[in-house]
Amino acid sequence: LFTFADKYRGKYHESIEIVENYYASVSGYKDELLWAALWLHRATGDGEYVAYIVNNADSFGGTGWAITEFSWDVKYAGVQILAAKVYIRYFLAIKPEHTFAETILHGRSHLGSCLL
């Protein structure tokens, strides 16, 4: 399903026009693709999904600025949280001597730039 969604990109209301007046997508599809890739990585541990995120996050947007909304249409806040979790897990794996608190204190400036 993810491969299909990535291959046939577009707003759902453009293919199901009757819903446009009720649930038109404002944010588009890019946030949902990043959201899906992060959850698929979390579920499978497959690094291919992390590569997808790294390769697309910057051009898909919504990852380098503060987000004030999480909704059925806008997933960027969730993307940022899940990406930060992936980063922290990776950082602790390569530097296990650091505690979680040290990671947060010293990694704060890197959280937004590692994957994003």
N, C-alpha and C. Protein backbone atom coordinates (compact mmCIF):
# COMPACT_ATOMS: atom_id res chain seq x y z
N LEU A 1 0.83 -1.19 0.00
CA LEU A 1 0.00 0.00 0.00
C LEU A 1 0.87 1.26 0.00
N PHE A 2 1.96 1.23 0.78
CA PHE A 2 2.86 2.39 0.81
C PHE A 2 3.48 2.63 -0.56
N THR A 3 3.93 1.58 -1.20
CA THR A 3 4.52 1.71 -2.54
C THR A 3 3.52 2.28 -3.52
N PHE A 4 2.28 1.82 -3.44
CA PHE A 4 1.21 2.33 -4.29
C PHE A 4 1.00 3.83 -4.05
N ALA A 5 0.91 4.21 -2.77
CA ALA A 5 0.68 5.62 -2.43
C ALA A 5 1.83 6.50 -2.89
N ASP A 6 3.05 6.00 -2.78
CA ASP A 6 4.20 6.77 -3.20
C ASP A 6 4.26 6.89 -4.73
N LYS A 7 3.88 5.84 -5.41
CA LYS A 7 3.92 5.84 -6.88
C LYS A 7 2.82 6.71 -7.48
N TYR A 8 1.63 6.66 -6.90
CA TYR A 8 0.48 7.41 -7.42
C TYR A 8 0.13 8.55 -6.47
N ARG A 9 1.01 9.51 -6.40
CA ARG A 9 0.85 10.63 -5.47
C ARG A 9 -0.27 11.56 -5.90
N GLY A 10 -0.95 12.11 -4.91
CA GLY A 10 -1.99 13.09 -5.17
C GLY A 10 -2.92 13.22 -3.99
N LYS A 11 -3.71 14.25 -4.02
CA LYS A 11 -4.70 14.47 -2.96
C LYS A 11 -5.90 13.57 -3.21
N TYR A 12 -6.38 12.93 -2.17
CA TYR A 12 -7.47 11.97 -2.35
C TYR A 12 -8.74 12.63 -2.89
N HIS A 13 -8.98 13.87 -2.51
CA HIS A 13 -10.22 14.51 -2.96
C HIS A 13 -10.19 14.83 -4.46
N GLU A 14 -9.01 14.75 -5.06
CA GLU A 14 -8.94 14.93 -6.51
C GLU A 14 -9.40 13.69 -7.26
N SER A 15 -9.35 12.54 -6.59
CA SER A 15 -9.84 11.32 -7.22
C SER A 15 -11.27 10.98 -6.79
N ILE A 16 -11.68 11.50 -5.64
CA ILE A 16 -13.05 11.32 -5.14
C ILE A 16 -13.61 12.72 -4.96
N GLU A 17 -14.00 13.33 -6.05
CA GLU A 17 -14.33 14.75 -6.06
C GLU A 17 -15.50 15.13 -5.16
N ILE A 18 -16.40 14.21 -4.89
CA ILE A 18 -17.57 14.53 -4.08
C ILE A 18 -17.20 14.95 -2.65
N VAL A 19 -16.05 14.51 -2.17
CA VAL A 19 -15.65 14.84 -0.79
C VAL A 19 -14.95 16.19 -0.68
N GLU A 20 -14.62 16.81 -1.79
CA GLU A 20 -13.84 18.05 -1.75
C GLU A 20 -14.51 19.15 -0.93
N ASN A 21 -15.81 19.26 -1.00
CA ASN A 21 -16.52 20.30 -0.23
C ASN A 21 -16.57 20.00 1.26
N TYR A 22 -16.29 18.77 1.65
CA TYR A 22 -16.40 18.36 3.05
C TYR A 22 -15.05 18.09 3.70
N TYR A 23 -14.19 17.38 3.02
CA TYR A 23 -12.89 16.98 3.58
C TYR A 23 -11.77 17.18 2.58
N ALA A 24 -11.66 18.36 2.05
CA ALA A 24 -10.57 18.63 1.11
C ALA A 24 -9.24 18.65 1.87
N SER A 25 -8.25 18.03 1.31
CA SER A 25 -6.93 18.00 1.93
C SER A 25 -6.22 19.32 1.67
N VAL A 26 -5.83 19.99 2.74
CA VAL A 26 -5.10 21.24 2.62
C VAL A 26 -3.60 20.96 2.56
N SER A 27 -3.15 20.03 3.37
CA SER A 27 -1.71 19.78 3.47
C SER A 27 -1.17 18.91 2.33
N GLY A 28 -2.04 18.27 1.60
CA GLY A 28 -1.56 17.40 0.53
C GLY A 28 -1.26 16.00 1.02
N TYR A 29 -0.33 15.36 0.38
CA TYR A 29 -0.04 13.95 0.66
C TYR A 29 1.35 13.73 1.24
N LYS A 30 2.22 14.69 1.14
CA LYS A 30 3.62 14.48 1.52
C LYS A 30 3.78 14.17 3.00
N ASP A 31 3.02 14.84 3.86
CA ASP A 31 3.11 14.56 5.29
C ASP A 31 2.65 13.13 5.59
N GLU A 32 1.63 12.67 4.88
CA GLU A 32 1.15 11.30 5.10
C GLU A 32 2.17 10.26 4.65
N LEU A 33 2.92 10.54 3.58
CA LEU A 33 3.95 9.60 3.14
C LEU A 33 5.07 9.51 4.17
N LEU A 34 5.49 10.64 4.73
CA LEU A 34 6.51 10.61 5.78
C LEU A 34 5.99 9.91 7.03
N TRP A 35 4.76 10.21 7.40
CA TRP A 35 4.10 9.61 8.56
C TRP A 35 4.04 8.09 8.39
N ALA A 36 3.63 7.65 7.22
CA ALA A 36 3.53 6.22 6.95
C ALA A 36 4.90 5.56 7.00
N ALA A 37 5.91 6.18 6.40
CA ALA A 37 7.25 5.60 6.39
C ALA A 37 7.80 5.46 7.81
N LEU A 38 7.55 6.46 8.65
CA LEU A 38 8.02 6.37 10.04
C LEU A 38 7.33 5.24 10.79
N TRP A 39 6.04 5.10 10.62
CA TRP A 39 5.32 4.01 11.30
C TRP A 39 5.73 2.65 10.75
N LEU A 40 5.95 2.56 9.45
CA LEU A 40 6.39 1.29 8.87
C LEU A 40 7.79 0.93 9.37
N HIS A 41 8.65 1.91 9.52
CA HIS A 41 9.97 1.65 10.10
C HIS A 41 9.83 1.16 11.53
N ARG A 42 8.98 1.82 12.27
CA ARG A 42 8.77 1.43 13.68
C ARG A 42 8.23 0.00 13.78
N ALA A 43 7.33 -0.36 12.88
CA ALA A 43 6.72 -1.70 12.92
C ALA A 43 7.65 -2.79 12.42
N THR A 44 8.49 -2.46 11.44
CA THR A 44 9.29 -3.50 10.79
C THR A 44 10.78 -3.43 11.10
N GLY A 45 11.25 -2.25 11.50
CA GLY A 45 12.68 -2.06 11.70
C GLY A 45 13.45 -1.96 10.39
N ASP A 46 12.75 -1.90 9.29
CA ASP A 46 13.37 -1.86 7.96
C ASP A 46 14.01 -0.50 7.71
N GLY A 47 15.30 -0.49 7.50
CA GLY A 47 16.04 0.75 7.26
C GLY A 47 15.67 1.43 5.95
N GLU A 48 15.03 0.71 5.05
CA GLU A 48 14.60 1.30 3.79
C GLU A 48 13.64 2.47 4.03
N TYR A 49 12.82 2.35 5.06
CA TYR A 49 11.89 3.43 5.37
C TYR A 49 12.61 4.66 5.93
N VAL A 50 13.66 4.43 6.70
CA VAL A 50 14.46 5.55 7.20
C VAL A 50 15.13 6.25 6.02
N ALA A 51 15.65 5.47 5.08
CA ALA A 51 16.26 6.05 3.88
C ALA A 51 15.24 6.89 3.12
N TYR A 52 14.02 6.41 3.03
CA TYR A 52 12.96 7.16 2.35
C TYR A 52 12.74 8.51 3.04
N ILE A 53 12.70 8.48 4.36
CA ILE A 53 12.48 9.70 5.13
C ILE A 53 13.65 10.67 4.92
N VAL A 54 14.86 10.16 5.05
CA VAL A 54 16.04 11.01 4.88
C VAL A 54 16.07 11.62 3.48
N ASN A 55 15.73 10.84 2.48
CA ASN A 55 15.78 11.31 1.10
C ASN A 55 14.65 12.28 0.74
N ASN A 56 13.55 12.25 1.49
CA ASN A 56 12.39 13.05 1.11
C ASN A 56 11.97 14.12 2.10
N ALA A 57 12.41 14.03 3.34
CA ALA A 57 11.90 14.94 4.38
C ALA A 57 12.11 16.41 4.03
N ASP A 58 13.26 16.75 3.55
CA ASP A 58 13.53 18.16 3.27
C ASP A 58 12.64 18.68 2.14
N SER A 59 12.53 17.93 1.07
CA SER A 59 11.72 18.40 -0.07
C SER A 59 10.22 18.31 0.21
N PHE A 60 9.81 17.43 1.13
CA PHE A 60 8.39 17.30 1.46
C PHE A 60 7.94 18.39 2.42
N GLY A 61 8.87 19.04 3.09
CA GLY A 61 8.54 20.16 3.96
C GLY A 61 7.91 19.77 5.29
N GLY A 62 7.68 20.80 6.11
CA GLY A 62 7.01 20.60 7.39
C GLY A 62 7.87 19.99 8.47
N THR A 63 9.16 19.87 8.22
CA THR A 63 10.01 19.20 9.18
C THR A 63 11.01 20.14 9.84
N GLY A 64 11.19 21.32 9.32
CA GLY A 64 12.18 22.22 9.87
C GLY A 64 11.60 23.42 10.57
N TRP A 65 10.32 23.41 10.85
CA TRP A 65 9.68 24.54 11.51
C TRP A 65 8.67 24.04 12.53
N ALA A 66 8.32 24.92 13.43
CA ALA A 66 7.38 24.55 14.50
C ALA A 66 5.99 24.32 13.93
N ILE A 67 5.40 23.24 14.33
CA ILE A 67 4.06 22.87 13.88
C ILE A 67 3.12 23.03 15.07
N THR A 68 1.98 23.62 14.85
CA THR A 68 1.04 23.83 15.95
C THR A 68 -0.22 22.99 15.81
N GLU A 69 -0.25 22.11 14.81
CA GLU A 69 -1.46 21.32 14.58
C GLU A 69 -1.10 19.88 14.25
N PHE A 70 -1.90 18.97 14.78
CA PHE A 70 -1.87 17.57 14.36
C PHE A 70 -3.32 17.17 14.14
N SER A 71 -3.63 16.73 12.95
CA SER A 71 -5.02 16.42 12.64
C SER A 71 -5.10 15.32 11.59
N TRP A 72 -6.32 15.01 11.17
CA TRP A 72 -6.52 14.02 10.12
C TRP A 72 -5.82 14.46 8.84
N ASP A 73 -5.63 15.76 8.68
CA ASP A 73 -5.06 16.28 7.44
C ASP A 73 -3.59 16.67 7.57
N VAL A 74 -3.17 17.10 8.72
CA VAL A 74 -1.80 17.59 8.90
C VAL A 74 -1.06 16.68 9.88
N LYS A 75 -0.09 15.94 9.37
CA LYS A 75 0.64 14.96 10.18
C LYS A 75 2.06 15.39 10.54
N TYR A 76 2.46 16.60 10.15
CA TYR A 76 3.85 17.00 10.35
C TYR A 76 4.29 16.99 11.82
N ALA A 77 3.42 17.34 12.76
CA ALA A 77 3.80 17.30 14.17
C ALA A 77 4.14 15.87 14.59
N GLY A 78 3.34 14.92 14.14
CA GLY A 78 3.62 13.52 14.42
C GLY A 78 4.89 13.04 13.74
N VAL A 79 5.13 13.53 12.54
CA VAL A 79 6.36 13.19 11.82
C VAL A 79 7.56 13.65 12.64
N GLN A 80 7.51 14.86 13.15
CA GLN A 80 8.62 15.39 13.93
C GLN A 80 8.87 14.57 15.19
N ILE A 81 7.80 14.17 15.86
CA ILE A 81 7.95 13.39 17.09
C ILE A 81 8.53 12.01 16.80
N LEU A 82 7.97 11.32 15.82
CA LEU A 82 8.48 9.98 15.50
C LEU A 82 9.91 10.04 14.96
N ALA A 83 10.23 11.06 14.16
CA ALA A 83 11.59 11.20 13.65
C ALA A 83 12.57 11.45 14.80
N ALA A 84 12.16 12.24 15.77
CA ALA A 84 13.01 12.48 16.94
C ALA A 84 13.25 11.19 17.70
N LYS A 85 12.23 10.35 17.83
CA LYS A 85 12.39 9.06 18.51
C LYS A 85 13.37 8.17 17.77
N VAL A 86 13.28 8.15 16.45
CA VAL A 86 14.22 7.35 15.65
C VAL A 86 15.63 7.88 15.85
N TYR A 87 15.78 9.19 15.81
CA TYR A 87 17.09 9.80 16.00
C TYR A 87 17.67 9.46 17.37
N ILE A 88 16.88 9.62 18.41
CA ILE A 88 17.36 9.33 19.77
C ILE A 88 17.77 7.87 19.89
N ARG A 89 16.97 6.97 19.35
CA ARG A 89 17.30 5.54 19.40
C ARG A 89 18.61 5.28 18.66
N TYR A 90 18.79 5.90 17.51
CA TYR A 90 20.02 5.74 16.73
C TYR A 90 21.21 6.32 17.49
N PHE A 91 21.04 7.52 18.03
CA PHE A 91 22.12 8.19 18.75
C PHE A 91 22.57 7.36 19.95
N LEU A 92 21.63 6.82 20.69
CA LEU A 92 21.98 6.00 21.86
C LEU A 92 22.63 4.69 21.44
N ALA A 93 22.29 4.19 20.26
CA ALA A 93 22.90 2.95 19.77
C ALA A 93 24.37 3.16 19.42
N ILE A 94 24.70 4.33 18.86
CA ILE A 94 26.09 4.56 18.48
C ILE A 94 26.92 5.16 19.62
N LYS A 95 26.26 5.73 20.61
CA LYS A 95 26.94 6.30 21.77
C LYS A 95 26.23 5.86 23.04
N PRO A 96 26.29 4.57 23.36
CA PRO A 96 25.52 4.05 24.50
C PRO A 96 25.96 4.61 25.85
N GLU A 97 27.13 5.23 25.91
CA GLU A 97 27.57 5.78 27.19
C GLU A 97 26.77 7.01 27.61
N HIS A 98 26.09 7.63 26.65
CA HIS A 98 25.27 8.79 26.98
C HIS A 98 23.95 8.36 27.60
N THR A 99 23.54 9.12 28.57
CA THR A 99 22.22 8.88 29.15
C THR A 99 21.18 9.59 28.29
N PHE A 100 19.94 9.27 28.52
CA PHE A 100 18.87 9.93 27.78
C PHE A 100 18.90 11.43 28.02
N ALA A 101 19.12 11.84 29.26
CA ALA A 101 19.16 13.27 29.58
C ALA A 101 20.28 13.97 28.82
N GLU A 102 21.45 13.34 28.74
CA GLU A 102 22.56 13.93 27.99
C GLU A 102 22.21 14.04 26.51
N THR A 103 21.52 13.06 26.02
CA THR A 103 21.11 13.09 24.61
C THR A 103 20.20 14.27 24.35
N ILE A 104 19.25 14.49 25.24
CA ILE A 104 18.32 15.61 25.07
C ILE A 104 19.07 16.93 25.21
N LEU A 105 19.91 17.05 26.23
CA LEU A 105 20.61 18.31 26.47
C LEU A 105 21.60 18.64 25.35
N HIS A 106 22.36 17.65 24.93
CA HIS A 106 23.40 17.91 23.93
C HIS A 106 22.92 17.69 22.51
N GLY A 107 21.86 16.96 22.35
CA GLY A 107 21.37 16.66 21.01
C GLY A 107 20.27 17.56 20.54
N ARG A 108 19.84 18.48 21.39
CA ARG A 108 18.71 19.35 21.04
C ARG A 108 18.91 20.01 19.69
N SER A 109 20.09 20.53 19.42
CA SER A 109 20.32 21.23 18.16
C SER A 109 20.39 20.26 16.98
N HIS A 110 20.56 19.00 17.25
CA HIS A 110 20.69 18.02 16.17
C HIS A 110 19.38 17.31 15.86
N LEU A 111 18.42 17.35 16.76
CA LEU A 111 17.18 16.62 16.54
C LEU A 111 16.50 17.02 15.24
N GLY A 112 16.50 18.29 14.95
CA GLY A 112 15.83 18.75 13.75
C GLY A 112 16.65 18.58 12.49
N SER A 113 17.92 18.21 12.62
CA SER A 113 18.75 18.15 11.43
C SER A 113 19.23 16.75 11.07
N CYS A 114 19.11 15.80 11.95
CA CYS A 114 19.62 14.46 11.66
C CYS A 114 18.86 13.82 10.51
N LEU A 115 17.60 13.60 10.72
CA LEU A 115 16.79 12.98 9.68
C LEU A 115 16.15 14.02 8.79
N LEU A 116 15.98 15.20 9.30
CA LEU A 116 15.15 16.18 8.62
C LEU A 116 15.91 17.20 7.84
